[in-house]
Amino acid sequence: MKEETIATRQAQQPNSSLSEEEKIAKRKLKKRLKQRKYDARFQQAIEWRADEQTIECARRELQDHDQRLQEEEGTVARTSDFQEEESQVRVRKARDFVIFSVYHPLISIIQANQSSVMDKQHQTHQARELLHNMNKGSHTEHMFNDENALLGYTRQKFIEKAMVVVKSLEKLQQPTSTTTTQTLRDRVLSVRNILSVGCGPGNDLVGFLAFLSVHQPNHTLHRVLLMDYVMPQWKELILDPLINLLVPEFLPRIDTVVCDVRYSLKEEANQSALAQLTAIDSETSSDMDLIIVSYLITETRGKWHVFFKDLISKVLPGTLLLLIEPNSWQLHQFLELYGDMISYYEWLDSSRETPELQHLQGRIGPAVLMACVK
């Protein structure tokens, strides 16, 4: 890294001021940077673009560049890098589901129904204001009354957050010999009832449906319960059109209810949520197989402790928790608070390949934890 930093400084200088050795180093650096550009373009084409033509074009560019390097330097071409891995193919198919089966139709329906919605630039501005306050935990219920902010948020975050769910669960499908991973994999593919806490525009649910569409296409969910403390705002603009898209084509039933994780499930503010949670199985426990929570712990700034203790005590043993946060310290705290209520867990983020470092805070991308209730 130090050598590359020096070479980068040399690359910024005119050739006339460099020695012959420095000129050679500069040319090599430019080749490495171009290689990275083609590598990144190829990976982005696989993961983020939907059409085969774009992927094939990026693959050819990478192959051609690597061939030129081989001819110039006598290196061996990295032919293995040009093929999509099986997991990449699955992720791309899941992304196609998110974009073409849900996101594009959803945005079209919303725009057709709303005469007050302004242009994308205004939506983006309002959404950034909302996101800024959500990240700081300073958002208020009043901020969600702005339809442009909600639609801008959906435009910016829906696909990205749905794909975090897909990519996290995809890690369970990678070859492994651990009993925990195999158990979690089997349980995820047999989920029937899902609870999404702090659901927002419903991206976490769609991410899970996209995952199922690739790995278990004939599997049908029984029931989904969406919770949010500003449910009326999300429901009127985003969730009602989303539910019409998903029911009955992809699942038979989606319920929605107001829920505020800053209060205990036993308090009056969450009585409707508690009733919905225990309506199917019994009056004392919930039938939910999987609970998805993303970015909510960060946004509620330590006010969630009592709620999640109540929630975990209400679900049946074997219920899965999928927790996604921008940083891992909140999830470490979650394990400290409720470790005696968890039978086992696994990290499904960048730390997965280095288990000896999972106790540290650093992650590339969001921190993702899957846990099973004892």
Protein backbone atom coordinates (compact mmCIF):
# COMPACT_ATOMS: atom_id res chain seq x y z
CA MET A 1 0.00 0.00 0.00
CA LYS A 2 2.87 2.35 0.79
CA GLU A 3 4.52 1.61 -2.56
CA GLU A 4 1.24 2.25 -4.34
CA THR A 5 0.83 5.59 -2.56
CA ILE A 6 4.28 6.66 -3.75
CA ALA A 7 3.47 5.51 -7.28
CA THR A 8 0.21 7.44 -7.16
CA ARG A 9 2.10 10.62 -6.32
CA GLN A 10 4.46 9.93 -9.22
CA ALA A 11 1.49 9.41 -11.55
CA GLN A 12 0.33 12.92 -10.77
CA GLN A 13 3.65 14.39 -11.95
CA PRO A 14 4.53 15.09 -15.61
CA ASN A 15 6.75 12.49 -17.30
CA SER A 16 9.43 15.11 -17.88
CA SER A 17 10.10 15.28 -14.14
CA LEU A 18 10.36 11.50 -13.67
CA SER A 19 13.27 9.14 -14.03
CA GLU A 20 13.03 6.17 -16.40
CA GLU A 21 12.37 3.86 -13.44
CA GLU A 22 9.60 6.15 -12.18
CA LYS A 23 8.02 6.26 -15.63
CA ILE A 24 7.87 2.46 -15.70
CA ALA A 25 6.27 2.45 -12.23
CA LYS A 26 3.76 5.04 -13.43
CA ARG A 27 2.76 2.92 -16.43
CA LYS A 28 2.34 -0.15 -14.22
CA LEU A 29 0.16 1.80 -11.81
CA LYS A 30 -2.09 3.00 -14.62
CA LYS A 31 -2.50 -0.60 -15.79
CA ARG A 32 -3.44 -1.72 -12.29
CA LEU A 33 -5.96 1.11 -11.94
CA LYS A 34 -7.49 0.26 -15.31
CA GLN A 35 -7.67 -3.41 -14.29
CA ARG A 36 -9.58 -2.42 -11.16
CA LYS A 37 -11.95 -0.31 -13.25
CA TYR A 38 -12.80 -3.23 -15.52
CA ASP A 39 -13.09 -5.60 -12.55
CA ALA A 40 -15.50 -3.21 -10.81
CA ARG A 41 -17.51 -2.66 -13.99
CA PHE A 42 -17.89 -6.40 -14.48
CA GLN A 43 -19.00 -7.01 -10.88
CA GLN A 44 -21.47 -4.12 -11.02
CA ALA A 45 -22.89 -5.46 -14.27
CA ILE A 46 -23.46 -8.85 -12.65
CA GLU A 47 -24.98 -7.57 -9.42
CA TRP A 48 -26.76 -4.37 -10.38
CA ARG A 49 -27.66 -4.47 -14.06
CA ALA A 50 -30.49 -6.65 -15.30
CA ASP A 51 -29.66 -7.19 -18.99
CA GLU A 52 -27.37 -9.88 -20.38
CA GLN A 53 -25.98 -7.52 -23.03
CA THR A 54 -24.43 -5.21 -20.41
CA ILE A 55 -22.91 -8.15 -18.55
CA GLU A 56 -21.46 -9.63 -21.74
CA CYS A 57 -20.02 -6.25 -22.76
CA ALA A 58 -18.33 -5.84 -19.36
CA ARG A 59 -17.00 -9.40 -19.56
CA ARG A 60 -15.46 -8.76 -23.00
CA GLU A 61 -13.84 -5.53 -21.81
CA LEU A 62 -12.26 -7.35 -18.88
CA GLN A 63 -11.09 -10.24 -21.05
CA ASP A 64 -9.61 -7.91 -23.68
CA HIS A 65 -7.75 -5.87 -21.09
CA ASP A 66 -6.41 -8.96 -19.37
CA GLN A 67 -5.29 -10.36 -22.73
CA ARG A 68 -3.38 -7.15 -23.46
CA LEU A 69 -1.65 -7.39 -20.09
CA GLN A 70 -0.76 -10.98 -20.83
CA GLU A 71 0.79 -10.04 -24.16
CA GLU A 72 2.73 -7.10 -22.69
CA GLU A 73 3.94 -8.70 -19.48
CA GLY A 74 3.77 -12.42 -20.20
CA THR A 75 1.30 -13.01 -17.36
CA VAL A 76 -1.34 -15.72 -17.28
CA ALA A 77 -4.89 -14.61 -17.98
CA ARG A 78 -7.27 -14.94 -15.04
CA THR A 79 -9.88 -16.94 -16.92
CA SER A 80 -11.66 -18.00 -13.74
CA ASP A 81 -12.50 -14.37 -12.98
CA PHE A 82 -14.53 -13.97 -16.17
CA GLN A 83 -17.24 -16.41 -15.21
CA GLU A 84 -20.11 -15.55 -12.98
CA GLU A 85 -20.11 -17.63 -9.84
CA GLU A 86 -23.28 -19.54 -9.13
CA SER A 87 -24.06 -17.31 -6.17
CA GLN A 88 -23.69 -14.21 -8.36
CA VAL A 89 -26.19 -15.64 -10.82
CA ARG A 90 -28.67 -16.25 -8.00
CA VAL A 91 -28.19 -12.72 -6.64
CA ARG A 92 -28.75 -11.25 -10.09
CA LYS A 93 -31.94 -13.26 -10.57
CA ALA A 94 -33.20 -12.11 -7.19
CA ARG A 95 -32.43 -8.52 -8.16
CA ASP A 96 -34.44 -8.98 -11.35
CA PHE A 97 -37.37 -10.01 -9.18
CA VAL A 98 -37.03 -6.93 -6.96
CA ILE A 99 -36.73 -4.52 -9.88
CA PHE A 100 -39.10 -5.88 -12.49
CA SER A 101 -41.71 -7.77 -10.46
CA VAL A 102 -42.07 -5.21 -7.67
CA TYR A 103 -40.15 -1.93 -7.76
CA HIS A 104 -40.92 -0.66 -11.27
CA PRO A 105 -44.65 -1.53 -11.11
CA LEU A 106 -44.87 -0.05 -7.61
CA ILE A 107 -43.37 3.31 -8.59
CA SER A 108 -45.58 3.47 -11.70
CA ILE A 109 -48.74 2.86 -9.66
CA ILE A 110 -47.79 5.45 -7.04
CA GLN A 111 -47.05 8.11 -9.63
CA ALA A 112 -50.32 7.44 -11.42
CA ASN A 113 -52.28 7.79 -8.18
CA GLN A 114 -50.60 10.89 -6.75
CA SER A 115 -51.16 14.29 -8.32
CA SER A 116 -49.25 16.13 -5.57
CA VAL A 117 -45.98 14.25 -6.01
CA MET A 118 -43.27 16.53 -7.45
CA ASP A 119 -40.25 15.84 -9.63
CA LYS A 120 -37.41 13.46 -8.71
CA GLN A 121 -35.04 16.26 -7.73
CA HIS A 122 -37.44 17.55 -5.09
CA GLN A 123 -38.13 14.00 -3.89
CA THR A 124 -34.39 13.39 -3.53
CA HIS A 125 -33.91 16.58 -1.53
CA GLN A 126 -36.78 15.81 0.84
CA ALA A 127 -35.65 12.20 1.24
CA ARG A 128 -32.12 13.29 2.15
CA GLU A 129 -33.49 15.51 4.88
CA LEU A 130 -35.56 12.64 6.22
CA LEU A 131 -32.65 10.18 6.05
CA HIS A 132 -30.33 12.64 7.78
CA ASN A 133 -32.70 12.87 10.73
CA MET A 134 -33.34 9.12 10.79
CA ASN A 135 -29.60 8.39 10.92
CA LYS A 136 -29.24 10.79 13.84
CA GLY A 137 -32.34 9.50 15.61
CA SER A 138 -33.83 13.00 15.50
CA HIS A 139 -36.75 12.23 13.19
CA THR A 140 -40.33 12.95 14.26
CA GLU A 141 -43.65 11.55 13.15
CA HIS A 142 -44.47 14.86 11.45
CA MET A 143 -41.56 14.40 8.99
CA PHE A 144 -43.28 11.35 7.50
CA ASN A 145 -46.30 13.40 6.42
CA ASP A 146 -44.35 14.60 3.37
CA GLU A 147 -45.30 12.31 0.47
CA ASN A 148 -42.33 13.49 -1.59
CA ALA A 149 -39.94 12.51 1.20
CA LEU A 150 -41.50 9.03 1.43
CA LEU A 151 -41.42 8.47 -2.32
CA GLY A 152 -37.86 9.83 -2.53
CA TYR A 153 -36.84 7.49 0.29
CA THR A 154 -38.42 4.57 -1.57
CA ARG A 155 -36.63 5.49 -4.79
CA GLN A 156 -33.27 5.75 -3.03
CA LYS A 157 -33.43 2.85 -0.58
CA PHE A 158 -35.95 0.21 -1.67
CA ILE A 159 -33.75 -1.80 -4.04
CA GLU A 160 -30.58 -1.33 -1.98
CA LYS A 161 -32.13 -2.54 1.28
CA ALA A 162 -34.03 -5.39 -0.37
CA MET A 163 -30.74 -6.62 -1.82
CA VAL A 164 -29.02 -6.47 1.59
CA VAL A 165 -31.55 -9.09 2.73
CA VAL A 166 -30.92 -11.18 -0.40
CA LYS A 167 -27.13 -11.06 -0.16
CA SER A 168 -27.13 -11.76 3.58
CA LEU A 169 -29.31 -14.85 3.23
CA GLU A 170 -27.31 -15.96 0.20
CA LYS A 171 -24.33 -16.45 2.53
CA LEU A 172 -26.22 -19.33 4.13
CA GLN A 173 -26.24 -21.10 0.76
CA GLN A 174 -22.47 -21.17 0.41
CA PRO A 175 -20.73 -24.53 0.96
CA THR A 176 -20.10 -25.05 4.64
CA SER A 177 -19.64 -27.83 7.14
CA THR A 178 -20.97 -26.04 10.23
CA THR A 179 -24.10 -27.40 11.82
CA THR A 180 -25.33 -23.90 12.70
CA THR A 181 -25.27 -22.73 9.08
CA GLN A 182 -27.01 -25.87 7.84
CA THR A 183 -29.70 -25.53 10.50
CA LEU A 184 -30.30 -21.85 9.72
CA ARG A 185 -30.39 -22.60 5.98
CA ASP A 186 -33.07 -25.25 6.46
CA ARG A 187 -35.13 -23.07 8.79
CA VAL A 188 -35.02 -20.04 6.47
CA LEU A 189 -36.28 -22.09 3.53
CA SER A 190 -39.18 -23.42 5.61
CA VAL A 191 -40.38 -20.05 6.97
CA ARG A 192 -44.16 -19.58 6.77
CA ASN A 193 -44.90 -16.43 8.77
CA ILE A 194 -42.84 -13.23 8.75
CA LEU A 195 -42.84 -10.18 10.99
CA SER A 196 -41.12 -7.03 9.69
CA VAL A 197 -40.56 -4.49 12.49
CA GLY A 198 -40.04 -0.92 11.30
CA CYS A 199 -41.01 -2.06 7.83
CA GLY A 200 -40.99 1.35 6.08
CA PRO A 201 -41.91 0.83 2.38
CA GLY A 202 -41.71 -2.97 2.69
CA ASN A 203 -38.26 -3.52 1.16
CA ASP A 204 -37.21 -6.20 3.69
CA LEU A 205 -40.23 -8.34 2.84
CA VAL A 206 -39.58 -7.98 -0.89
CA GLY A 207 -35.94 -8.93 -0.36
CA PHE A 208 -37.01 -12.15 1.36
CA LEU A 209 -39.53 -12.91 -1.40
CA ALA A 210 -36.78 -12.36 -3.98
CA PHE A 211 -34.54 -14.80 -2.10
CA LEU A 212 -37.33 -17.39 -2.05
CA SER A 213 -38.04 -16.85 -5.76
CA VAL A 214 -34.54 -18.17 -6.51
CA HIS A 215 -34.05 -20.84 -3.84
CA GLN A 216 -37.57 -22.08 -3.14
CA PRO A 217 -39.84 -20.85 -5.98
CA ASN A 218 -42.75 -23.12 -5.07
CA HIS A 219 -42.69 -22.23 -1.39
CA THR A 220 -45.66 -20.15 -0.21
CA LEU A 221 -45.69 -17.94 2.83
CA HIS A 222 -48.83 -18.06 4.97
CA ARG A 223 -48.85 -14.66 6.57
CA VAL A 224 -46.82 -11.46 6.82
CA LEU A 225 -47.23 -8.81 9.50
CA LEU A 226 -45.75 -5.36 8.84
CA MET A 227 -45.16 -2.99 11.77
CA ASP A 228 -44.15 0.67 11.79
CA TYR A 229 -44.71 3.60 14.10
CA VAL A 230 -45.84 5.76 11.16
CA MET A 231 -47.83 3.00 9.50
CA PRO A 232 -50.70 5.26 8.28
CA GLN A 233 -48.27 7.38 6.22
CA TRP A 234 -46.43 4.43 4.69
CA LYS A 235 -49.64 2.49 4.13
CA GLU A 236 -51.53 5.16 2.25
CA LEU A 237 -48.76 6.05 -0.18
CA ILE A 238 -46.55 2.95 -0.53
CA LEU A 239 -47.76 -0.16 1.28
CA ASP A 240 -51.32 -0.36 -0.06
CA PRO A 241 -50.07 -0.43 -3.69
CA LEU A 242 -47.32 -2.87 -2.67
CA ILE A 243 -49.80 -5.21 -0.99
CA ASN A 244 -51.98 -5.16 -4.10
CA LEU A 245 -48.94 -6.21 -6.14
CA LEU A 246 -47.93 -9.03 -3.81
CA VAL A 247 -51.31 -10.46 -2.77
CA PRO A 248 -52.39 -13.00 -3.92
CA GLU A 249 -49.73 -13.55 -6.60
CA PHE A 250 -46.81 -14.10 -4.22
CA LEU A 251 -48.46 -14.70 -0.84
CA PRO A 252 -52.03 -14.92 0.48
CA ARG A 253 -52.02 -12.38 3.29
CA ILE A 254 -50.28 -9.22 4.54
CA ASP A 255 -51.43 -7.43 7.68
CA THR A 256 -50.29 -4.01 8.86
CA VAL A 257 -50.32 -2.42 12.30
CA VAL A 258 -48.92 0.58 14.14
CA CYS A 259 -46.05 -0.31 16.47
CA ASP A 260 -43.58 1.88 18.36
CA VAL A 261 -40.45 0.09 19.58
CA ARG A 262 -39.71 2.93 22.01
CA TYR A 263 -42.41 1.46 24.27
CA SER A 264 -43.02 -1.93 25.79
CA LEU A 265 -45.31 -4.30 23.92
CA LYS A 266 -47.47 -4.24 27.04
CA GLU A 267 -48.09 -0.50 26.92
CA GLU A 268 -51.20 1.04 25.42
CA ALA A 269 -49.30 2.41 22.40
CA ASN A 270 -48.60 -1.16 21.26
CA GLN A 271 -51.80 -2.94 22.21
CA SER A 272 -52.91 -3.32 18.59
CA ALA A 273 -49.49 -4.68 17.66
CA LEU A 274 -49.61 -7.20 20.49
CA ALA A 275 -53.09 -8.31 19.44
CA GLN A 276 -51.96 -8.83 15.83
CA LEU A 277 -48.83 -10.61 16.95
CA THR A 278 -50.68 -13.22 19.00
CA ALA A 279 -53.88 -13.40 16.95
CA ILE A 280 -53.13 -16.56 15.03
CA ASP A 281 -51.44 -19.02 17.36
CA SER A 282 -52.69 -18.22 20.84
CA GLU A 283 -53.24 -15.40 23.25
CA THR A 284 -49.80 -15.79 24.79
CA SER A 285 -47.35 -16.56 21.97
CA SER A 286 -46.75 -15.60 18.36
CA ASP A 287 -46.61 -17.88 15.32
CA MET A 288 -43.92 -15.84 13.53
CA ASP A 289 -41.05 -17.94 12.12
CA LEU A 290 -38.88 -15.02 11.05
CA ILE A 291 -38.54 -11.47 12.39
CA ILE A 292 -36.70 -8.96 10.21
CA VAL A 293 -35.39 -5.71 11.66
CA SER A 294 -33.21 -3.38 9.59
CA TYR A 295 -31.65 -0.08 10.71
CA LEU A 296 -34.33 0.35 13.36
CA ILE A 297 -32.04 -0.17 16.34
CA THR A 298 -29.78 2.63 15.13
CA GLU A 299 -32.66 4.99 14.47
CA THR A 300 -34.22 4.54 17.92
CA ARG A 301 -31.04 5.25 19.90
CA GLY A 302 -31.22 2.82 22.80
CA LYS A 303 -34.97 3.18 23.35
CA TRP A 304 -35.65 -0.31 21.99
CA HIS A 305 -34.41 -2.48 24.89
CA VAL A 306 -37.71 -3.22 26.63
CA PHE A 307 -39.64 -3.76 23.40
CA PHE A 308 -37.34 -6.45 22.06
CA LYS A 309 -37.22 -8.26 25.38
CA ASP A 310 -41.03 -8.38 25.27
CA LEU A 311 -41.03 -9.46 21.64
CA ILE A 312 -38.54 -12.29 22.06
CA SER A 313 -40.47 -13.56 25.08
CA LYS A 314 -43.64 -13.71 22.94
CA VAL A 315 -42.31 -15.80 20.06
CA LEU A 316 -41.91 -19.56 20.00
CA PRO A 317 -38.56 -21.36 20.40
CA GLY A 318 -36.84 -21.67 17.03
CA THR A 319 -38.04 -18.29 15.76
CA LEU A 320 -35.35 -16.62 13.64
CA LEU A 321 -34.22 -13.01 13.99
CA LEU A 322 -32.56 -11.27 11.03
CA LEU A 323 -31.00 -8.03 12.28
CA ILE A 324 -29.36 -5.51 9.93
CA GLU A 325 -27.65 -2.33 11.10
CA PRO A 326 -25.12 0.08 9.57
CA ASN A 327 -22.58 -0.78 12.31
CA SER A 328 -22.04 -3.89 14.39
CA TRP A 329 -21.86 -2.38 17.88
CA GLN A 330 -25.64 -2.23 18.20
CA LEU A 331 -25.86 -5.94 17.36
CA HIS A 332 -23.12 -6.79 19.86
CA GLN A 333 -25.19 -4.91 22.42
CA PHE A 334 -28.26 -6.88 21.34
CA LEU A 335 -26.41 -10.13 22.05
CA GLU A 336 -25.24 -8.84 25.43
CA LEU A 337 -28.81 -7.90 26.43
CA TYR A 338 -30.62 -10.99 25.15
CA GLY A 339 -27.88 -13.62 24.90
CA ASP A 340 -29.63 -15.84 27.46
CA MET A 341 -32.73 -15.84 25.21
CA ILE A 342 -30.77 -16.88 22.09
CA SER A 343 -29.77 -20.49 21.43
CA TYR A 344 -27.30 -19.77 18.60
CA TYR A 345 -26.45 -17.11 16.06
CA GLU A 346 -24.33 -16.43 12.99
CA TRP A 347 -22.94 -13.30 11.34
CA LEU A 348 -24.01 -12.92 7.71
CA ASP A 349 -21.85 -9.95 6.75
CA SER A 350 -18.27 -9.26 5.65
CA SER A 351 -16.90 -10.70 8.91
CA ARG A 352 -18.16 -14.17 8.01
CA GLU A 353 -14.83 -15.18 6.48
CA THR A 354 -12.86 -14.10 9.56
CA PRO A 355 -14.71 -15.46 12.59
CA GLU A 356 -11.81 -14.65 14.91
CA LEU A 357 -12.44 -10.94 14.20
CA GLN A 358 -16.23 -10.93 14.54
CA HIS A 359 -16.09 -9.55 18.05
CA LEU A 360 -14.62 -6.35 16.60
CA GLN A 361 -16.73 -3.48 15.26
CA GLY A 362 -15.34 -3.21 11.72
CA ARG A 363 -17.42 -4.37 8.78
CA ILE A 364 -17.43 -3.69 5.04
CA GLY A 365 -21.03 -2.69 4.47
CA PRO A 366 -23.81 -3.23 7.00
CA ALA A 367 -23.56 -5.60 9.93
CA VAL A 368 -25.95 -8.55 9.67
CA LEU A 369 -26.79 -11.03 12.42
CA MET A 370 -29.11 -14.03 12.31
CA ALA A 371 -30.10 -15.53 15.65
CA CYS A 372 -32.41 -18.31 16.78
CA VAL A 373 -34.62 -17.85 19.84
CA LYS A 374 -34.10 -20.36 22.65
